[in-house]
């Protein structure tokens, strides 16, 4: 499935070997741990007060700027924690 996607997007002209190498193990770990990581990150983002987002919007921030300058800095400890949980 991943090889078909890579070939369809034109990243490579031939299928990638993913058995008995580090790349295949990495893809397997990401596929296995991504749902858990998303759930944990969702919990971190829910703890950010909505008033911070509302204040940024009132001051003229777009949704993208709100995400980049309010939400992501407030949740910066979350992704580091999820990487430790998912890949150990």
PDB file of N, CA and C in Angstrom:
ATOM      1  N   UNK A   1       0.826  -1.185   0.000  1.00  0.00           N
ATOM      2  CA  UNK A   1       0.000   0.000   0.000  1.00  0.00           C
ATOM      3  C   UNK A   1       0.878   1.259   0.000  1.00  0.00           C
ATOM      4  N   UNK A   2       1.894   1.274   0.830  1.00  0.00           N
ATOM      5  CA  UNK A   2       2.780   2.441   0.885  1.00  0.00           C
ATOM      6  C   UNK A   2       3.564   2.556  -0.412  1.00  0.00           C
ATOM      7  N   UNK A   3       4.011   1.425  -0.947  1.00  0.00           N
ATOM      8  CA  UNK A   3       4.741   1.463  -2.205  1.00  0.00           C
ATOM      9  C   UNK A   3       3.869   1.991  -3.335  1.00  0.00           C
ATOM     10  N   UNK A   4       2.595   1.599  -3.366  1.00  0.00           N
ATOM     11  CA  UNK A   4       1.698   2.108  -4.415  1.00  0.00           C
ATOM     12  C   UNK A   4       1.533   3.617  -4.300  1.00  0.00           C
ATOM     13  N   UNK A   5       1.429   4.113  -3.073  1.00  0.00           N
ATOM     14  CA  UNK A   5       1.295   5.557  -2.860  1.00  0.00           C
ATOM     15  C   UNK A   5       2.554   6.294  -3.300  1.00  0.00           C
ATOM     16  N   UNK A   6       3.713   5.769  -2.935  1.00  0.00           N
ATOM     17  CA  UNK A   6       4.979   6.396  -3.315  1.00  0.00           C
ATOM     18  C   UNK A   6       5.153   6.408  -4.830  1.00  0.00           C
ATOM     19  N   UNK A   7       4.781   5.315  -5.482  1.00  0.00           N
ATOM     20  CA  UNK A   7       4.876   5.256  -6.940  1.00  0.00           C
ATOM     21  C   UNK A   7       3.880   6.203  -7.601  1.00  0.00           C
ATOM     22  N   UNK A   8       2.653   6.273  -7.071  1.00  0.00           N
ATOM     23  CA  UNK A   8       1.633   7.144  -7.657  1.00  0.00           C
ATOM     24  C   UNK A   8       2.003   8.622  -7.520  1.00  0.00           C
ATOM     25  N   UNK A   9       2.627   8.990  -6.416  1.00  0.00           N
ATOM     26  CA  UNK A   9       3.029  10.384  -6.224  1.00  0.00           C
ATOM     27  C   UNK A   9       4.299  10.732  -6.988  1.00  0.00           C
ATOM     28  N   UNK A  10       4.979   9.731  -7.518  1.00  0.00           N
ATOM     29  CA  UNK A  10       6.160   9.973  -8.331  1.00  0.00           C
ATOM     30  C   UNK A  10       7.432  10.212  -7.543  1.00  0.00           C
ATOM     31  N   UNK A  11       7.469   9.796  -6.283  1.00  0.00           N
ATOM     32  CA  UNK A  11       8.677   9.971  -5.484  1.00  0.00           C
ATOM     33  C   UNK A  11       9.803   9.053  -5.940  1.00  0.00           C
ATOM     34  N   UNK A  12       9.441   7.901  -6.476  1.00  0.00           N
ATOM     35  CA  UNK A  12      10.441   6.945  -6.939  1.00  0.00           C
ATOM     36  C   UNK A  12       9.874   6.177  -8.127  1.00  0.00           C
ATOM     37  N   UNK A  13      10.740   5.570  -8.891  1.00  0.00           N
ATOM     38  CA  UNK A  13      10.295   4.844 -10.064  1.00  0.00           C
ATOM     39  C   UNK A  13      10.132   3.355  -9.840  1.00  0.00           C
ATOM     40  N   UNK A  14      10.583   2.860  -8.695  1.00  0.00           N
ATOM     41  CA  UNK A  14      10.466   1.435  -8.399  1.00  0.00           C
ATOM     42  C   UNK A  14      10.053   1.253  -6.940  1.00  0.00           C
ATOM     43  N   UNK A  15       9.466   0.120  -6.593  1.00  0.00           N
ATOM     44  CA  UNK A  15       9.051  -0.120  -5.202  1.00  0.00           C
ATOM     45  C   UNK A  15      10.249  -0.107  -4.239  1.00  0.00           C
ATOM     46  N   UNK A  16       9.986   0.332  -3.021  1.00  0.00           N
ATOM     47  CA  UNK A  16      11.017   0.414  -1.993  1.00  0.00           C
ATOM     48  C   UNK A  16      11.024  -0.887  -1.184  1.00  0.00           C
ATOM     49  N   UNK A  17      12.198  -1.418  -0.928  1.00  0.00           N
ATOM     50  CA  UNK A  17      12.344  -2.610  -0.102  1.00  0.00           C
ATOM     51  C   UNK A  17      12.079  -2.231   1.359  1.00  0.00           C
ATOM     52  N   UNK A  18      11.069  -2.846   1.978  1.00  0.00           N
ATOM     53  CA  UNK A  18      10.743  -2.502   3.357  1.00  0.00           C
ATOM     54  C   UNK A  18      10.780  -3.702   4.301  1.00  0.00           C
ATOM     55  N   UNK A  19      11.302  -4.818   3.848  1.00  0.00           N
ATOM     56  CA  UNK A  19      11.406  -6.001   4.695  1.00  0.00           C
ATOM     57  C   UNK A  19      12.865  -6.176   5.080  1.00  0.00           C
ATOM     58  N   UNK A  20      13.101  -6.441   6.357  1.00  0.00           N
ATOM     59  CA  UNK A  20      14.446  -6.682   6.899  1.00  0.00           C
ATOM     60  C   UNK A  20      15.359  -5.461   6.789  1.00  0.00           C
ATOM     61  N   UNK A  21      14.815  -4.269   7.017  1.00  0.00           N
ATOM     62  CA  UNK A  21      15.662  -3.077   7.077  1.00  0.00           C
ATOM     63  C   UNK A  21      15.045  -2.057   8.034  1.00  0.00           C
ATOM     64  N   UNK A  22      15.793  -1.018   8.338  1.00  0.00           N
ATOM     65  CA  UNK A  22      15.367  -0.026   9.329  1.00  0.00           C
ATOM     66  C   UNK A  22      14.173   0.793   8.847  1.00  0.00           C
ATOM     67  N   UNK A  23      14.108   1.095   7.555  1.00  0.00           N
ATOM     68  CA  UNK A  23      13.004   1.891   7.038  1.00  0.00           C
ATOM     69  C   UNK A  23      11.668   1.174   7.241  1.00  0.00           C
ATOM     70  N   UNK A  24      11.634  -0.127   6.984  1.00  0.00           N
ATOM     71  CA  UNK A  24      10.413  -0.901   7.188  1.00  0.00           C
ATOM     72  C   UNK A  24       9.983  -0.931   8.652  1.00  0.00           C
ATOM     73  N   UNK A  25      10.953  -1.044   9.539  1.00  0.00           N
ATOM     74  CA  UNK A  25      10.647  -1.028  10.976  1.00  0.00           C
ATOM     75  C   UNK A  25      10.090   0.332  11.375  1.00  0.00           C
ATOM     76  N   UNK A  26      10.687   1.404  10.848  1.00  0.00           N
ATOM     77  CA  UNK A  26      10.204   2.754  11.150  1.00  0.00           C
ATOM     78  C   UNK A  26       8.768   2.946  10.680  1.00  0.00           C
ATOM     79  N   UNK A  27       8.470   2.528   9.465  1.00  0.00           N
ATOM     80  CA  UNK A  27       7.103   2.651   8.937  1.00  0.00           C
ATOM     81  C   UNK A  27       6.136   1.851   9.809  1.00  0.00           C
ATOM     82  N   UNK A  28       6.524   0.662  10.219  1.00  0.00           N
ATOM     83  CA  UNK A  28       5.666  -0.145  11.081  1.00  0.00           C
ATOM     84  C   UNK A  28       5.415   0.510  12.432  1.00  0.00           C
ATOM     85  N   UNK A  29       6.449   1.085  13.027  1.00  0.00           N
ATOM     86  CA  UNK A  29       6.282   1.755  14.320  1.00  0.00           C
ATOM     87  C   UNK A  29       5.385   2.981  14.207  1.00  0.00           C
ATOM     88  N   UNK A  30       5.573   3.744  13.147  1.00  0.00           N
ATOM     89  CA  UNK A  30       4.729   4.928  12.958  1.00  0.00           C
ATOM     90  C   UNK A  30       3.279   4.513  12.771  1.00  0.00           C
ATOM     91  N   UNK A  31       3.040   3.500  11.967  1.00  0.00           N
ATOM     92  CA  UNK A  31       1.681   3.028  11.733  1.00  0.00           C
ATOM     93  C   UNK A  31       1.044   2.516  13.025  1.00  0.00           C
ATOM     94  N   UNK A  32       1.828   1.897  13.866  1.00  0.00           N
ATOM     95  CA  UNK A  32       1.320   1.326  15.108  1.00  0.00           C
ATOM     96  C   UNK A  32       1.067   2.394  16.169  1.00  0.00           C
ATOM     97  N   UNK A  33       1.947   3.399  16.261  1.00  0.00           N
ATOM     98  CA  UNK A  33       1.872   4.352  17.363  1.00  0.00           C
ATOM     99  C   UNK A  33       1.176   5.667  17.016  1.00  0.00           C
ATOM    100  N   UNK A  34       0.924   5.937  15.737  1.00  0.00           N
ATOM    101  CA  UNK A  34       0.317   7.211  15.359  1.00  0.00           C
ATOM    102  C   UNK A  34      -1.058   7.447  16.000  1.00  0.00           C
ATOM    103  N   UNK A  35      -1.960   6.480  16.030  1.00  0.00           N
ATOM    104  CA  UNK A  35      -3.257   6.743  16.683  1.00  0.00           C
ATOM    105  C   UNK A  35      -3.120   7.115  18.160  1.00  0.00           C
ATOM    106  N   UNK A  36      -2.256   6.421  18.888  1.00  0.00           N
ATOM    107  CA  UNK A  36      -2.066   6.740  20.302  1.00  0.00           C
ATOM    108  C   UNK A  36      -1.473   8.138  20.473  1.00  0.00           C
ATOM    109  N   UNK A  37      -0.541   8.494  19.600  1.00  0.00           N
ATOM    110  CA  UNK A  37       0.090   9.807  19.670  1.00  0.00           C
ATOM    111  C   UNK A  37      -0.935  10.913  19.419  1.00  0.00           C
ATOM    112  N   UNK A  38      -1.821  10.704  18.461  1.00  0.00           N
ATOM    113  CA  UNK A  38      -2.843  11.707  18.162  1.00  0.00           C
ATOM    114  C   UNK A  38      -3.782  11.882  19.344  1.00  0.00           C
ATOM    115  N   UNK A  39      -4.165  10.795  19.984  1.00  0.00           N
ATOM    116  CA  UNK A  39      -5.051  10.895  21.154  1.00  0.00           C
ATOM    117  C   UNK A  39      -4.369  11.654  22.288  1.00  0.00           C
ATOM    118  N   UNK A  40      -3.091  11.374  22.527  1.00  0.00           N
ATOM    119  CA  UNK A  40      -2.368  12.087  23.586  1.00  0.00           C
ATOM    120  C   UNK A  40      -2.221  13.569  23.260  1.00  0.00           C
ATOM    121  N   UNK A  41      -1.929  13.894  22.013  1.00  0.00           N
ATOM    122  CA  UNK A  41      -1.789  15.293  21.614  1.00  0.00           C
ATOM    123  C   UNK A  41      -3.118  16.032  21.709  1.00  0.00           C
ATOM    124  N   UNK A  42      -4.200  15.341  21.409  1.00  0.00           N
ATOM    125  CA  UNK A  42      -5.530  15.938  21.533  1.00  0.00           C
ATOM    126  C   UNK A  42      -5.795  16.341  22.984  1.00  0.00           C
ATOM    127  N   UNK A  43      -5.379  15.509  23.923  1.00  0.00           N
ATOM    128  CA  UNK A  43      -5.540  15.834  25.340  1.00  0.00           C
ATOM    129  C   UNK A  43      -4.735  17.057  25.748  1.00  0.00           C
ATOM    130  N   UNK A  44      -3.536  17.206  25.185  1.00  0.00           N
ATOM    131  CA  UNK A  44      -2.696  18.371  25.499  1.00  0.00           C
ATOM    132  C   UNK A  44      -3.333  19.643  24.954  1.00  0.00           C
ATOM    133  N   UNK A  45      -3.832  19.575  23.726  1.00  0.00           N
ATOM    134  CA  UNK A  45      -4.424  20.766  23.103  1.00  0.00           C
ATOM    135  C   UNK A  45      -5.711  21.168  23.822  1.00  0.00           C
ATOM    136  N   UNK A  46      -6.447  20.216  24.348  1.00  0.00           N
ATOM    137  CA  UNK A  46      -7.674  20.542  25.077  1.00  0.00           C
ATOM    138  C   UNK A  46      -7.403  21.312  26.362  1.00  0.00           C
ATOM    139  N   UNK A  47      -6.209  21.209  26.928  1.00  0.00           N
ATOM    140  CA  UNK A  47      -5.908  21.918  28.170  1.00  0.00           C
ATOM    141  C   UNK A  47      -5.560  23.392  27.935  1.00  0.00           C
ATOM    142  N   UNK A  48      -5.372  23.789  26.675  1.00  0.00           N
ATOM    143  CA  UNK A  48      -5.063  25.187  26.373  1.00  0.00           C
ATOM    144  C   UNK A  48      -6.356  25.996  26.508  1.00  0.00           C
ATOM    145  N   UNK A  49      -6.338  27.058  27.294  1.00  0.00           N
ATOM    146  CA  UNK A  49      -7.562  27.839  27.480  1.00  0.00           C
ATOM    147  C   UNK A  49      -8.054  28.458  26.168  1.00  0.00           C
ATOM    148  N   UNK A  50      -9.352  28.377  25.947  1.00  0.00           N
ATOM    149  CA  UNK A  50      -9.963  28.941  24.743  1.00  0.00           C
ATOM    150  C   UNK A  50      -9.813  30.462  24.744  1.00  0.00           C
ATOM    151  N   UNK A  51      -9.704  31.054  25.915  1.00  0.00           N
ATOM    152  CA  UNK A  51      -9.575  32.512  25.998  1.00  0.00           C
ATOM    153  C   UNK A  51      -8.305  33.010  25.298  1.00  0.00           C
ATOM    154  N   UNK A  52      -7.247  32.197  25.258  1.00  0.00           N
ATOM    155  CA  UNK A  52      -6.041  32.593  24.530  1.00  0.00           C
ATOM    156  C   UNK A  52      -6.316  32.701  23.038  1.00  0.00           C
ATOM    157  N   UNK A  53      -7.032  31.739  22.491  1.00  0.00           N
ATOM    158  CA  UNK A  53      -7.374  31.782  21.072  1.00  0.00           C
ATOM    159  C   UNK A  53      -8.312  32.948  20.774  1.00  0.00           C
ATOM    160  N   UNK A  54      -9.280  33.153  21.648  1.00  0.00           N
ATOM    161  CA  UNK A  54     -10.226  34.260  21.441  1.00  0.00           C
ATOM    162  C   UNK A  54      -9.515  35.604  21.497  1.00  0.00           C
ATOM    163  N   UNK A  55      -8.574  35.745  22.428  1.00  0.00           N
ATOM    164  CA  UNK A  55      -7.832  37.007  22.525  1.00  0.00           C
ATOM    165  C   UNK A  55      -7.007  37.252  21.270  1.00  0.00           C
ATOM    166  N   UNK A  56      -6.381  36.229  20.750  1.00  0.00           N
ATOM    167  CA  UNK A  56      -5.599  36.387  19.518  1.00  0.00           C
ATOM    168  C   UNK A  56      -6.484  36.753  18.346  1.00  0.00           C
ATOM    169  N   UNK A  57      -7.672  36.152  18.278  1.00  0.00           N
ATOM    170  CA  UNK A  57      -8.602  36.461  17.196  1.00  0.00           C
ATOM    171  C   UNK A  57      -9.101  37.896  17.302  1.00  0.00           C
ATOM    172  N   UNK A  58      -9.401  38.338  18.506  1.00  0.00           N
ATOM    173  CA  UNK A  58      -9.858  39.722  18.708  1.00  0.00           C
ATOM    174  C   UNK A  58      -8.770  40.707  18.309  1.00  0.00           C
ATOM    175  N   UNK A  59      -7.517  40.345  18.538  1.00  0.00           N
ATOM    176  CA  UNK A  59      -6.411  41.226  18.190  1.00  0.00           C
ATOM    177  C   UNK A  59      -6.017  41.137  16.716  1.00  0.00           C
ATOM    178  N   UNK A  60      -6.764  40.347  15.934  1.00  0.00           N
ATOM    179  CA  UNK A  60      -6.566  40.331  14.494  1.00  0.00           C
ATOM    180  C   UNK A  60      -5.777  39.168  13.936  1.00  0.00           C
ATOM    181  N   UNK A  61      -5.518  38.149  14.710  1.00  0.00           N
ATOM    182  CA  UNK A  61      -4.756  37.000  14.217  1.00  0.00           C
ATOM    183  C   UNK A  61      -5.652  36.118  13.343  1.00  0.00           C
ATOM    184  N   UNK A  62      -5.082  35.645  12.245  1.00  0.00           N
ATOM    185  CA  UNK A  62      -5.809  34.694  11.406  1.00  0.00           C
ATOM    186  C   UNK A  62      -5.764  33.323  12.067  1.00  0.00           C
ATOM    187  N   UNK A  63      -6.500  32.363  11.490  1.00  0.00           N
ATOM    188  CA  UNK A  63      -6.504  31.019  12.081  1.00  0.00           C
ATOM    189  C   UNK A  63      -5.120  30.385  12.012  1.00  0.00           C
ATOM    190  N   UNK A  64      -4.427  30.618  10.885  1.00  0.00           N
ATOM    191  CA  UNK A  64      -3.081  30.051  10.750  1.00  0.00           C
ATOM    192  C   UNK A  64      -2.124  30.677  11.753  1.00  0.00           C
ATOM    193  N   UNK A  65      -2.196  31.975  11.903  1.00  0.00           N
ATOM    194  CA  UNK A  65      -1.306  32.646  12.855  1.00  0.00           C
ATOM    195  C   UNK A  65      -1.650  32.243  14.289  1.00  0.00           C
ATOM    196  N   UNK A  66      -2.930  32.069  14.546  1.00  0.00           N
ATOM    197  CA  UNK A  66      -3.386  31.607  15.855  1.00  0.00           C
ATOM    198  C   UNK A  66      -2.784  30.239  16.174  1.00  0.00           C
ATOM    199  N   UNK A  67      -2.785  29.358  15.182  1.00  0.00           N
ATOM    200  CA  UNK A  67      -2.207  28.037  15.376  1.00  0.00           C
ATOM    201  C   UNK A  67      -0.704  28.124  15.613  1.00  0.00           C
ATOM    202  N   UNK A  68      -0.005  28.902  14.776  1.00  0.00           N
ATOM    203  CA  UNK A  68       1.452  28.960  14.844  1.00  0.00           C
ATOM    204  C   UNK A  68       1.984  29.716  16.057  1.00  0.00           C
ATOM    205  N   UNK A  69       1.270  30.734  16.503  1.00  0.00           N
ATOM    206  CA  UNK A  69       1.815  31.588  17.562  1.00  0.00           C
ATOM    207  C   UNK A  69       1.135  31.453  18.917  1.00  0.00           C
ATOM    208  N   UNK A  70       0.007  30.746  18.971  1.00  0.00           N
ATOM    209  CA  UNK A  70      -0.676  30.586  20.257  1.00  0.00           C
ATOM    210  C   UNK A  70      -0.757  29.108  20.651  1.00  0.00           C
ATOM    211  N   UNK A  71      -1.327  28.299  19.776  1.00  0.00           N
ATOM    212  CA  UNK A  71      -1.592  26.902  20.137  1.00  0.00           C
ATOM    213  C   UNK A  71      -0.305  26.072  20.181  1.00  0.00           C
ATOM    214  N   UNK A  72       0.497  26.122  19.119  1.00  0.00           N
ATOM    215  CA  UNK A  72       1.715  25.293  19.101  1.00  0.00           C
ATOM    216  C   UNK A  72       2.712  25.646  20.203  1.00  0.00           C
ATOM    217  N   UNK A  73       2.995  26.933  20.469  1.00  0.00           N
ATOM    218  CA  UNK A  73       3.892  27.210  21.599  1.00  0.00           C
ATOM    219  C   UNK A  73       3.322  26.764  22.952  1.00  0.00           C
ATOM    220  N   UNK A  74       2.005  26.839  23.099  1.00  0.00           N
ATOM    221  CA  UNK A  74       1.395  26.413  24.362  1.00  0.00           C
ATOM    222  C   UNK A  74       1.453  24.906  24.544  1.00  0.00           C
ATOM    223  N   UNK A  75       1.503  24.168  23.436  1.00  0.00           N
ATOM    224  CA  UNK A  75       1.493  22.709  23.510  1.00  0.00           C
ATOM    225  C   UNK A  75       2.848  22.103  23.188  1.00  0.00           C
ATOM    226  N   UNK A  76       3.922  22.868  23.297  1.00  0.00           N
ATOM    227  CA  UNK A  76       5.223  22.363  22.849  1.00  0.00           C
ATOM    228  C   UNK A  76       5.758  21.207  23.690  1.00  0.00           C
ATOM    229  N   UNK A  77       5.334  21.055  24.911  1.00  0.00           N
ATOM    230  CA  UNK A  77       5.792  19.926  25.724  1.00  0.00           C
ATOM    231  C   UNK A  77       5.094  18.630  25.322  1.00  0.00           C
ATOM    232  N   UNK A  78       3.915  18.738  24.740  1.00  0.00           N
ATOM    233  CA  UNK A  78       3.149  17.554  24.357  1.00  0.00           C
ATOM    234  C   UNK A  78       3.829  16.663  23.336  1.00  0.00           C
ATOM    235  N   UNK A  79       4.252  17.191  22.186  1.00  0.00           N
ATOM    236  CA  UNK A  79       4.879  16.311  21.187  1.00  0.00           C
ATOM    237  C   UNK A  79       6.154  15.630  21.683  1.00  0.00           C
ATOM    238  N   UNK A  80       6.928  16.288  22.503  1.00  0.00           N
ATOM    239  CA  UNK A  80       8.138  15.655  23.039  1.00  0.00           C
ATOM    240  C   UNK A  80       7.761  14.475  23.925  1.00  0.00           C
ATOM    241  N   UNK A  81       6.744  14.653  24.733  1.00  0.00           N
ATOM    242  CA  UNK A  81       6.288  13.569  25.610  1.00  0.00           C
ATOM    243  C   UNK A  81       5.725  12.406  24.784  1.00  0.00           C
ATOM    244  N   UNK A  82       4.967  12.728  23.723  1.00  0.00           N
ATOM    245  CA  UNK A  82       4.402  11.668  22.902  1.00  0.00           C
ATOM    246  C   UNK A  82       5.476  10.881  22.169  1.00  0.00           C
ATOM    247  N   UNK A  83       6.534  11.548  21.700  1.00  0.00           N
ATOM    248  CA  UNK A  83       7.618  10.829  21.045  1.00  0.00           C
ATOM    249  C   UNK A  83       8.275   9.840  22.013  1.00  0.00           C
ATOM    250  N   UNK A  84       8.442  10.261  23.263  1.00  0.00           N
ATOM    251  CA  UNK A  84       9.034   9.353  24.247  1.00  0.00           C
ATOM    252  C   UNK A  84       8.140   8.156  24.523  1.00  0.00           C
ATOM    253  N   UNK A  85       6.834   8.396  24.632  1.00  0.00           N
ATOM    254  CA  UNK A  85       5.907   7.315  24.897  1.00  0.00           C
ATOM    255  C   UNK A  85       5.785   6.386  23.712  1.00  0.00           C
ATOM    256  N   UNK A  86       5.716   6.951  22.494  1.00  0.00           N
ATOM    257  CA  UNK A  86       5.465   6.136  21.317  1.00  0.00           C
ATOM    258  C   UNK A  86       6.674   5.323  20.886  1.00  0.00           C
ATOM    259  N   UNK A  87       7.862   5.822  21.041  1.00  0.00           N
ATOM    260  CA  UNK A  87       9.036   5.149  20.489  1.00  0.00           C
ATOM    261  C   UNK A  87       9.958   4.543  21.540  1.00  0.00           C
ATOM    262  N   UNK A  88       9.449   4.291  22.747  1.00  0.00           N
ATOM    263  CA  UNK A  88      10.278   3.596  23.732  1.00  0.00           C
ATOM    264  C   UNK A  88       9.618   2.302  24.149  1.00  0.00           C
TER     265      UNK A  88
END
